C-alpha atoms as a PDB file:
ATOM      1  CA  MET A   1      22.642 -48.663 -12.593  1.00  0.00           C
ATOM      2  CA  GLU A   2      25.487 -50.162 -14.212  1.00  0.00           C
ATOM      3  CA  LEU A   3      26.002 -52.747 -17.034  1.00  0.00           C
ATOM      4  CA  PHE A   4      29.363 -54.385 -17.740  1.00  0.00           C
ATOM      5  CA  GLY A   5      30.953 -51.716 -15.660  1.00  0.00           C
ATOM      6  CA  LEU A   6      29.357 -48.887 -17.388  1.00  0.00           C
ATOM      7  CA  SER A   7      26.578 -46.456 -16.151  1.00  0.00           C
ATOM      8  CA  GLU A   8      23.098 -46.519 -17.733  1.00  0.00           C
ATOM      9  CA  PRO A   9      23.573 -43.380 -19.663  1.00  0.00           C
ATOM     10  CA  ILE A  10      26.821 -44.490 -21.196  1.00  0.00           C
ATOM     11  CA  VAL A  11      25.288 -47.724 -22.065  1.00  0.00           C
ATOM     12  CA  ARG A  12      22.447 -46.090 -23.807  1.00  0.00           C
ATOM     13  CA  LEU A  13      24.734 -43.587 -25.663  1.00  0.00           C
ATOM     14  CA  ILE A  14      27.042 -46.536 -26.993  1.00  0.00           C
ATOM     15  CA  ALA A  15      23.922 -48.385 -28.117  1.00  0.00           C
ATOM     16  CA  PHE A  16      22.410 -45.340 -29.832  1.00  0.00           C
ATOM     17  CA  ALA A  17      25.607 -44.454 -31.591  1.00  0.00           C
ATOM     18  CA  ALA A  18      26.165 -47.992 -32.817  1.00  0.00           C
ATOM     19  CA  ILE A  19      22.644 -48.467 -34.213  1.00  0.00           C
ATOM     20  CA  PHE A  20      22.664 -44.909 -35.724  1.00  0.00           C
ATOM     21  CA  VAL A  21      25.807 -45.376 -37.588  1.00  0.00           C
ATOM     22  CA  SER A  22      24.724 -48.846 -38.723  1.00  0.00           C
ATOM     23  CA  MET A  23      21.353 -47.625 -40.033  1.00  0.00           C
ATOM     24  CA  ALA A  24      22.950 -44.554 -41.719  1.00  0.00           C
ATOM     25  CA  LEU A  25      25.319 -46.846 -43.673  1.00  0.00           C
ATOM     26  CA  PHE A  26      22.506 -49.171 -44.435  1.00  0.00           C
ATOM     27  CA  GLU A  27      20.439 -46.261 -45.901  1.00  0.00           C
ATOM     28  CA  LEU A  28      23.654 -44.942 -47.693  1.00  0.00           C
ATOM     29  CA  PHE A  29      24.564 -48.183 -49.431  1.00  0.00           C
ATOM     30  CA  SER A  30      21.031 -49.700 -49.992  1.00  0.00           C
ATOM     31  CA  PRO A  31      18.234 -46.901 -50.102  1.00  0.00           C
ATOM     32  CA  ARG A  32      14.724 -48.195 -50.373  1.00  0.00           C
ATOM     33  CA  LEU A  33      13.664 -44.999 -52.216  1.00  0.00           C
ATOM     34  CA  GLU A  34      15.422 -42.286 -54.180  1.00  0.00           C
ATOM     35  CA  ARG A  35      13.527 -39.105 -53.413  1.00  0.00           C
ATOM     36  CA  ASP A  36      14.472 -35.337 -53.624  1.00  0.00           C
ATOM     37  CA  GLU A  37      13.664 -34.886 -49.893  1.00  0.00           C
ATOM     38  CA  MET A  38      16.211 -37.676 -49.101  1.00  0.00           C
ATOM     39  CA  ILE A  39      19.125 -36.250 -51.119  1.00  0.00           C
ATOM     40  CA  GLY A  40      21.414 -32.948 -51.534  1.00  0.00           C
ATOM     41  CA  ALA A  41      21.047 -29.780 -49.476  1.00  0.00           C
ATOM     42  CA  LEU A  42      17.475 -30.375 -48.341  1.00  0.00           C
ATOM     43  CA  LYS A  43      18.623 -33.763 -46.646  1.00  0.00           C
ATOM     44  CA  ALA A  44      21.445 -31.845 -45.014  1.00  0.00           C
ATOM     45  CA  GLN A  45      18.968 -29.260 -43.673  1.00  0.00           C
ATOM     46  CA  ARG A  46      16.600 -32.008 -42.408  1.00  0.00           C
ATOM     47  CA  TRP A  47      19.400 -33.949 -40.753  1.00  0.00           C
ATOM     48  CA  PHE A  48      20.588 -30.867 -38.808  1.00  0.00           C
ATOM     49  CA  THR A  49      17.182 -29.809 -37.811  1.00  0.00           C
ATOM     50  CA  ASN A  50      16.103 -33.454 -36.701  1.00  0.00           C
ATOM     51  CA  LEU A  51      19.486 -34.148 -34.988  1.00  0.00           C
ATOM     52  CA  SER A  52      19.169 -30.655 -33.216  1.00  0.00           C
ATOM     53  CA  ILE A  53      15.585 -31.603 -32.077  1.00  0.00           C
ATOM     54  CA  LEU A  54      17.055 -34.688 -30.545  1.00  0.00           C
ATOM     55  CA  VAL A  55      19.672 -32.769 -28.465  1.00  0.00           C
ATOM     56  CA  ILE A  56      17.064 -30.361 -27.275  1.00  0.00           C
ATOM     57  CA  SER A  57      14.621 -32.987 -26.327  1.00  0.00           C
ATOM     58  CA  SER A  58      17.264 -34.989 -24.444  1.00  0.00           C
ATOM     59  CA  LEU A  59      18.365 -31.953 -22.533  1.00  0.00           C
ATOM     60  CA  ALA A  60      14.800 -30.990 -21.689  1.00  0.00           C
ATOM     61  CA  LEU A  61      14.210 -34.461 -20.420  1.00  0.00           C
ATOM     62  CA  ARG A  62      17.186 -34.510 -18.002  1.00  0.00           C
ATOM     63  CA  VAL A  63      16.286 -31.157 -16.740  1.00  0.00           C
ATOM     64  CA  ILE A  64      12.782 -31.816 -16.171  1.00  0.00           C
ATOM     65  CA  PHE A  65      12.510 -35.467 -15.456  1.00  0.00           C
ATOM     66  CA  PRO A  66      16.166 -36.523 -14.278  1.00  0.00           C
ATOM     67  CA  LEU A  67      15.132 -40.058 -13.192  1.00  0.00           C
ATOM     68  CA  ALA A  68      13.976 -41.014 -16.639  1.00  0.00           C
ATOM     69  CA  ALA A  69      12.527 -44.583 -17.073  1.00  0.00           C
ATOM     70  CA  VAL A  70      15.522 -46.622 -15.519  1.00  0.00           C
ATOM     71  CA  GLY A  71      15.807 -44.222 -12.571  1.00  0.00           C
ATOM     72  CA  THR A  72      12.032 -44.529 -12.010  1.00  0.00           C
ATOM     73  CA  ALA A  73      12.355 -48.200 -12.031  1.00  0.00           C
ATOM     74  CA  LEU A  74      15.152 -48.401  -9.429  1.00  0.00           C
ATOM     75  CA  TRP A  75      13.267 -45.761  -7.300  1.00  0.00           C
ATOM     76  CA  ALA A  76      10.121 -48.059  -7.326  1.00  0.00           C
ATOM     77  CA  GLU A  77      12.346 -51.077  -6.688  1.00  0.00           C
ATOM     78  CA  GLU A  78      14.027 -49.599  -3.611  1.00  0.00           C
ATOM     79  CA  ARG A  79      10.454 -48.893  -2.159  1.00  0.00           C
ATOM     80  CA  GLY A  80       8.820 -52.082  -3.237  1.00  0.00           C
ATOM     81  CA  TYR A  81       6.333 -50.404  -5.221  1.00  0.00           C
ATOM     82  CA  GLY A  82       4.337 -52.233  -8.044  1.00  0.00           C
ATOM     83  CA  LEU A  83       2.317 -55.276  -8.826  1.00  0.00           C
ATOM     84  CA  PHE A  84       5.346 -57.563  -9.329  1.00  0.00           C
ATOM     85  CA  HIS A  85       6.773 -56.635  -5.826  1.00  0.00           C
ATOM     86  CA  VAL A  86       3.343 -57.478  -4.238  1.00  0.00           C
ATOM     87  CA  LEU A  87       2.824 -60.734  -6.082  1.00  0.00           C
ATOM     88  CA  ASP A  88       6.628 -61.659  -5.616  1.00  0.00           C
ATOM     89  CA  ILE A  89       6.913 -62.675  -9.341  1.00  0.00           C
ATOM     90  CA  PRO A  90      10.341 -64.058 -10.454  1.00  0.00           C
ATOM     91  CA  VAL A  91      12.391 -61.351 -11.976  1.00  0.00           C
ATOM     92  CA  TRP A  92      12.859 -62.893 -15.506  1.00  0.00           C
ATOM     93  CA  VAL A  93       9.012 -63.401 -15.743  1.00  0.00           C
ATOM     94  CA  ALA A  94       8.470 -59.817 -14.552  1.00  0.00           C
ATOM     95  CA  GLY A  95      10.865 -58.510 -17.143  1.00  0.00           C
ATOM     96  CA  ILE A  96       9.055 -60.317 -20.017  1.00  0.00           C
ATOM     97  CA  ILE A  97       5.618 -59.053 -18.981  1.00  0.00           C
ATOM     98  CA  ALA A  98       7.054 -55.499 -18.396  1.00  0.00           C
ATOM     99  CA  PHE A  99       8.541 -55.550 -21.804  1.00  0.00           C
ATOM    100  CA  ALA A 100       5.260 -56.376 -23.402  1.00  0.00           C
ATOM    101  CA  VAL A 101       3.122 -54.111 -21.391  1.00  0.00           C
ATOM    102  CA  LEU A 102       5.539 -51.091 -21.933  1.00  0.00           C
ATOM    103  CA  ASP A 103       5.353 -51.817 -25.824  1.00  0.00           C
ATOM    104  CA  PHE A 104       1.522 -51.866 -25.630  1.00  0.00           C
ATOM    105  CA  ALA A 105       1.621 -48.614 -23.668  1.00  0.00           C
ATOM    106  CA  VAL A 106       3.986 -46.773 -26.167  1.00  0.00           C
ATOM    107  CA  TRP A 107       1.492 -48.028 -29.042  1.00  0.00           C
ATOM    108  CA  LEU A 108      -1.612 -46.744 -26.945  1.00  0.00           C
ATOM    109  CA  GLU A 109       0.208 -43.416 -26.231  1.00  0.00           C
ATOM    110  CA  HIS A 110       0.623 -43.133 -30.051  1.00  0.00           C
ATOM    111  CA  VAL A 111      -2.748 -43.908 -30.999  1.00  0.00           C
ATOM    112  CA  VAL A 112      -4.173 -41.277 -28.437  1.00  0.00           C
ATOM    113  CA  SER A 113      -1.585 -38.748 -29.705  1.00  0.00           C
ATOM    114  CA  HIS A 114      -3.490 -39.067 -33.123  1.00  0.00           C
ATOM    115  CA  LYS A 115      -6.788 -38.868 -31.637  1.00  0.00           C
ATOM    116  CA  TRP A 116      -6.711 -36.150 -28.811  1.00  0.00           C
ATOM    117  CA  PRO A 117      -6.312 -32.553 -30.684  1.00  0.00           C
ATOM    118  CA  ILE A 118      -4.165 -31.180 -27.835  1.00  0.00           C
ATOM    119  CA  LEU A 119      -1.676 -34.109 -28.197  1.00  0.00           C
ATOM    120  CA  TRP A 120      -1.932 -33.939 -31.936  1.00  0.00           C
ATOM    121  CA  ARG A 121      -0.718 -30.425 -31.955  1.00  0.00           C
ATOM    122  CA  ILE A 122       2.457 -31.707 -30.345  1.00  0.00           C
ATOM    123  CA  HIS A 123       2.871 -34.788 -32.225  1.00  0.00           C
ATOM    124  CA  ARG A 124       2.243 -33.495 -35.706  1.00  0.00           C
ATOM    125  CA  MET A 125       5.858 -31.992 -35.679  1.00  0.00           C
ATOM    126  CA  HIS A 126       7.153 -35.672 -36.034  1.00  0.00           C
ATOM    127  CA  HIS A 127       4.742 -36.237 -38.953  1.00  0.00           C
ATOM    128  CA  CYS A 128       5.316 -32.870 -40.870  1.00  0.00           C
ATOM    129  CA  ASP A 129       8.735 -34.105 -41.699  1.00  0.00           C
ATOM    130  CA  PRO A 130       8.811 -34.195 -45.518  1.00  0.00           C
ATOM    131  CA  GLY A 131      11.340 -37.032 -45.818  1.00  0.00           C
ATOM    132  CA  PHE A 132      11.587 -40.348 -44.167  1.00  0.00           C
ATOM    133  CA  ASP A 133      14.665 -41.746 -42.818  1.00  0.00           C
ATOM    134  CA  LEU A 134      16.326 -42.868 -39.606  1.00  0.00           C
ATOM    135  CA  THR A 135      16.573 -38.953 -38.547  1.00  0.00           C
ATOM    136  CA  THR A 136      12.679 -38.920 -38.581  1.00  0.00           C
ATOM    137  CA  ALA A 137      12.710 -41.442 -35.652  1.00  0.00           C
ATOM    138  CA  LEU A 138      14.578 -38.587 -33.490  1.00  0.00           C
ATOM    139  CA  ARG A 139      12.134 -35.786 -34.452  1.00  0.00           C
ATOM    140  CA  PHE A 140       9.853 -35.594 -31.336  1.00  0.00           C
ATOM    141  CA  HIS A 141       9.118 -32.428 -29.656  1.00  0.00           C
ATOM    142  CA  PRO A 142      10.531 -31.904 -26.255  1.00  0.00           C
ATOM    143  CA  LEU A 143       7.009 -31.622 -24.801  1.00  0.00           C
ATOM    144  CA  GLU A 144       6.093 -34.914 -26.363  1.00  0.00           C
ATOM    145  CA  ILE A 145       9.266 -36.587 -24.985  1.00  0.00           C
ATOM    146  CA  VAL A 146       8.602 -35.249 -21.397  1.00  0.00           C
ATOM    147  CA  LEU A 147       4.936 -36.480 -21.609  1.00  0.00           C
ATOM    148  CA  SER A 148       5.834 -39.807 -22.988  1.00  0.00           C
ATOM    149  CA  MET A 149       8.280 -40.427 -20.218  1.00  0.00           C
ATOM    150  CA  VAL A 150       5.700 -39.432 -17.571  1.00  0.00           C
ATOM    151  CA  TRP A 151       3.289 -41.934 -19.098  1.00  0.00           C
ATOM    152  CA  LYS A 152       6.073 -44.671 -19.011  1.00  0.00           C
ATOM    153  CA  ALA A 153       7.046 -43.920 -15.483  1.00  0.00           C
ATOM    154  CA  LEU A 154       3.615 -44.415 -14.496  1.00  0.00           C
ATOM    155  CA  ILE A 155       3.501 -47.852 -16.053  1.00  0.00           C
ATOM    156  CA  ILE A 156       6.881 -48.661 -14.610  1.00  0.00           C
ATOM    157  CA  VAL A 157       5.782 -47.915 -10.917  1.00  0.00           C
ATOM    158  CA  ALA A 158       2.498 -49.579 -11.259  1.00  0.00           C
ATOM    159  CA  LEU A 159       4.209 -52.843 -12.411  1.00  0.00           C
ATOM    160  CA  GLY A 160       7.206 -52.567 -10.265  1.00  0.00           C
ATOM    161  CA  ALA A 161       9.215 -53.244 -13.492  1.00  0.00           C
ATOM    162  CA  PRO A 162      12.814 -54.565 -13.091  1.00  0.00           C
ATOM    163  CA  ALA A 163      15.228 -51.927 -13.852  1.00  0.00           C
ATOM    164  CA  ALA A 164      17.297 -54.246 -16.462  1.00  0.00           C
ATOM    165  CA  ALA A 165      14.060 -54.780 -18.380  1.00  0.00           C
ATOM    166  CA  VAL A 166      13.345 -51.249 -18.543  1.00  0.00           C
ATOM    167  CA  LEU A 167      16.856 -50.549 -19.745  1.00  0.00           C
ATOM    168  CA  ILE A 168      16.557 -53.144 -22.384  1.00  0.00           C
ATOM    169  CA  PHE A 169      13.125 -51.814 -23.463  1.00  0.00           C
ATOM    170  CA  GLU A 170      14.452 -48.243 -23.794  1.00  0.00           C
ATOM    171  CA  ILE A 171      17.462 -49.537 -25.977  1.00  0.00           C
ATOM    172  CA  VAL A 172      15.367 -51.690 -28.186  1.00  0.00           C
ATOM    173  CA  LEU A 173      12.359 -49.036 -28.705  1.00  0.00           C
ATOM    174  CA  ASN A 174      15.228 -46.460 -29.756  1.00  0.00           C
ATOM    175  CA  GLY A 175      16.788 -48.850 -32.109  1.00  0.00           C
ATOM    176  CA  THR A 176      13.780 -50.268 -33.671  1.00  0.00           C
ATOM    177  CA  ALA A 177      12.401 -46.676 -34.153  1.00  0.00           C
ATOM    178  CA  MET A 178      15.520 -45.792 -36.152  1.00  0.00           C
ATOM    179  CA  PHE A 179      15.048 -49.104 -38.070  1.00  0.00           C
ATOM    180  CA  ASN A 180      11.462 -48.770 -39.011  1.00  0.00           C
ATOM    181  CA  HIS A 181      11.712 -45.172 -39.942  1.00  0.00           C
ATOM    182  CA  SER A 182      14.883 -45.681 -42.102  1.00  0.00           C
ATOM    183  CA  ASN A 183      15.200 -45.598 -45.909  1.00  0.00           C
ATOM    184  CA  ALA A 184      16.872 -48.895 -45.990  1.00  0.00           C
ATOM    185  CA  ARG A 185      16.103 -51.431 -48.746  1.00  0.00           C
ATOM    186  CA  ILE A 186      14.954 -54.873 -47.215  1.00  0.00           C
ATOM    187  CA  PRO A 187      13.946 -57.549 -49.875  1.00  0.00           C
ATOM    188  CA  LEU A 188      10.249 -57.766 -50.071  1.00  0.00           C
ATOM    189  CA  TRP A 189      10.157 -61.374 -49.344  1.00  0.00           C
ATOM    190  CA  ILE A 190      11.891 -60.897 -46.120  1.00  0.00           C
ATOM    191  CA  ASP A 191       9.776 -57.862 -45.340  1.00  0.00           C
ATOM    192  CA  ARG A 192       6.570 -60.067 -45.762  1.00  0.00           C
ATOM    193  CA  TRP A 193       7.940 -62.428 -43.027  1.00  0.00           C
ATOM    194  CA  LEU A 194       9.658 -59.940 -40.812  1.00  0.00           C
ATOM    195  CA  ARG A 195       6.601 -57.705 -40.401  1.00  0.00           C
ATOM    196  CA  LEU A 196       4.978 -60.714 -38.594  1.00  0.00           C
ATOM    197  CA  VAL A 197       7.061 -60.055 -35.549  1.00  0.00           C
ATOM    198  CA  LEU A 198       8.618 -56.532 -36.100  1.00  0.00           C
ATOM    199  CA  VAL A 199       7.664 -53.266 -37.380  1.00  0.00           C
ATOM    200  CA  THR A 200       9.543 -52.731 -40.907  1.00  0.00           C
ATOM    201  CA  PRO A 201      10.263 -49.547 -42.704  1.00  0.00           C
ATOM    202  CA  ASP A 202       7.619 -50.525 -45.391  1.00  0.00           C
ATOM    203  CA  MET A 203       5.033 -50.941 -42.789  1.00  0.00           C
ATOM    204  CA  HIS A 204       5.729 -47.891 -40.831  1.00  0.00           C
ATOM    205  CA  ARG A 205       6.311 -45.722 -43.891  1.00  0.00           C
ATOM    206  CA  VAL A 206       2.425 -46.112 -44.597  1.00  0.00           C
ATOM    207  CA  HIS A 207       1.874 -44.223 -41.273  1.00  0.00           C
ATOM    208  CA  HIS A 208       3.768 -41.109 -42.522  1.00  0.00           C
ATOM    209  CA  SER A 209       1.619 -40.802 -45.585  1.00  0.00           C
ATOM    210  CA  THR A 210      -0.402 -37.605 -46.174  1.00  0.00           C
ATOM    211  CA  ASP A 211      -3.477 -39.499 -46.791  1.00  0.00           C
ATOM    212  CA  ARG A 212      -5.314 -39.454 -43.283  1.00  0.00           C
ATOM    213  CA  ARG A 213      -6.768 -42.917 -43.773  1.00  0.00           C
ATOM    214  CA  GLU A 214      -3.063 -44.296 -43.880  1.00  0.00           C
ATOM    215  CA  THR A 215      -1.660 -42.053 -41.257  1.00  0.00           C
ATOM    216  CA  ASP A 216      -4.291 -43.571 -38.758  1.00  0.00           C
ATOM    217  CA  THR A 217      -2.924 -46.980 -39.136  1.00  0.00           C
ATOM    218  CA  ASN A 218       0.504 -48.878 -38.275  1.00  0.00           C
ATOM    219  CA  TYR A 219       1.010 -47.243 -34.835  1.00  0.00           C
ATOM    220  CA  GLY A 220       3.475 -49.803 -33.658  1.00  0.00           C
ATOM    221  CA  PHE A 221       7.241 -49.155 -33.061  1.00  0.00           C
ATOM    222  CA  ASN A 222       8.389 -52.517 -31.852  1.00  0.00           C
ATOM    223  CA  PHE A 223       5.767 -55.174 -32.191  1.00  0.00           C
ATOM    224  CA  PRO A 224       3.170 -55.229 -34.942  1.00  0.00           C
ATOM    225  CA  PHE A 225       0.762 -57.306 -32.786  1.00  0.00           C
ATOM    226  CA  TRP A 226      -1.226 -54.393 -31.492  1.00  0.00           C
ATOM    227  CA  ASP A 227      -2.052 -53.116 -34.755  1.00  0.00           C
ATOM    228  CA  ARG A 228      -3.341 -56.365 -36.033  1.00  0.00           C
ATOM    229  CA  ILE A 229      -5.319 -57.171 -32.871  1.00  0.00           C
ATOM    230  CA  PHE A 230      -7.032 -53.699 -32.832  1.00  0.00           C
ATOM    231  CA  ASP A 231      -7.514 -53.578 -36.635  1.00  0.00           C
ATOM    232  CA  THR A 232      -5.195 -50.604 -37.412  1.00  0.00           C
ATOM    233  CA  TYR A 233      -2.855 -52.557 -39.493  1.00  0.00           C
ATOM    234  CA  TRP A 234      -2.507 -51.367 -43.236  1.00  0.00           C
ATOM    235  CA  ALA A 235      -0.152 -53.379 -45.517  1.00  0.00           C
ATOM    236  CA  GLN A 236       0.751 -51.041 -48.266  1.00  0.00           C
ATOM    237  CA  PRO A 237       0.109 -47.426 -49.267  1.00  0.00           C
ATOM    238  CA  ARG A 238      -2.557 -47.013 -51.933  1.00  0.00           C
ATOM    239  CA  ARG A 239      -0.333 -45.187 -54.418  1.00  0.00           C
ATOM    240  CA  GLY A 240       2.632 -47.230 -53.546  1.00  0.00           C
ATOM    241  CA  HIS A 241       5.905 -46.389 -51.806  1.00  0.00           C
ATOM    242  CA  GLN A 242       7.572 -44.573 -54.704  1.00  0.00           C
ATOM    243  CA  ASP A 243       4.559 -42.312 -55.555  1.00  0.00           C
ATOM    244  CA  MET A 244       3.078 -41.740 -52.053  1.00  0.00           C
ATOM    245  CA  ASP A 245       3.426 -38.214 -50.373  1.00  0.00           C
ATOM    246  CA  ILE A 246       5.112 -38.032 -47.012  1.00  0.00           C
ATOM    247  CA  GLY A 247       4.377 -35.496 -44.324  1.00  0.00           C
ATOM    248  CA  LEU A 248       1.261 -33.517 -43.822  1.00  0.00           C
ATOM    249  CA  GLU A 249      -0.736 -31.738 -46.641  1.00  0.00           C
ATOM    250  CA  ASN A 250      -0.942 -28.521 -44.744  1.00  0.00           C
ATOM    251  CA  TYR A 251       2.973 -28.253 -44.395  1.00  0.00           C
ATOM    252  CA  ARG A 252       4.342 -28.835 -47.825  1.00  0.00           C
ATOM    253  CA  ASP A 253       6.278 -25.513 -48.129  1.00  0.00           C
ATOM    254  CA  GLY A 254       9.638 -26.348 -46.725  1.00  0.00           C
ATOM    255  CA  SER A 255       9.042 -24.807 -43.440  1.00  0.00           C
ATOM    256  CA  PRO A 256       9.170 -28.268 -41.449  1.00  0.00           C
ATOM    257  CA  VAL A 257      12.889 -28.483 -42.144  1.00  0.00           C
ATOM    258  CA  LYS A 258      13.589 -25.344 -40.269  1.00  0.00           C
ATOM    259  CA  LEU A 259      14.365 -25.794 -36.516  1.00  0.00           C
ATOM    260  CA  GLY A 260      12.674 -22.723 -35.007  1.00  0.00           C
ATOM    261  CA  TRP A 261       9.649 -23.293 -37.149  1.00  0.00           C
ATOM    262  CA  SER A 262       9.308 -26.912 -36.045  1.00  0.00           C
ATOM    263  CA  LEU A 263       9.783 -26.239 -32.318  1.00  0.00           C
ATOM    264  CA  LEU A 264       7.189 -23.551 -32.517  1.00  0.00           C
ATOM    265  CA  LEU A 265       4.465 -25.684 -34.290  1.00  0.00           C
ATOM    266  CA  PRO A 266       2.457 -26.875 -31.445  1.00  0.00           C
ATOM    267  CA  PHE A 267       1.777 -23.383 -30.509  1.00  0.00           C
ATOM    268  CA  ARG A 268       0.627 -22.246 -34.117  1.00  0.00           C
ATOM    269  CA  LYS A 269      -2.898 -22.124 -34.978  1.00  0.00           C
END
């Protein structure tokens, strides 16, 4: 698939680079919190590990599931698979519905990753990051990335989602994940209104609290609607953003910033 004369992987790479650089500069010049794990040598080690995990996960996905989301949509489209093709729904309507359904599917996947022990073993690598910035959004185990893509592919084929809508969703999902994991300062009055339609950093930071009651809230990446509808929304951390602890209680010894340790975490008792 091409967009503006560029192949889908190039479009996604350009979008990722633009969003990453923008959010990195936003964090640098307007940080929300000044914490030890966000500065100095520890931050450098965290960034190296989290970015390395991104590269490894991306390579694993290309090897195991080379079609990825957009390729799956094109494959289903060529064969006329999916509900939208059967009902002959206009492409623009199908695109809007597909975007919303995929966002709900990602939210549901996230909830299940916390509730099913075998999936939590994999997902906890994301949560044991002792810091919280845009690189935390990239810290997902290769196994989780592959499983997530399989889940999205099933939804895409079942719907017959338009490839353009899937590409837009993937770019938006990646961008909003970096945004709502960022350590960027957003004026509180803007945050109060923005979180009505978009998951904000202050909203998602609650989800990364060491307090399990808070970890089991605010699962959204794009839209905040699902958490409000299913009563998993929590406005602010009990101890406040400055005093809350980030990560997992069982992994507070500095090990999570090590690449090898992080990749092997799902296989540890």
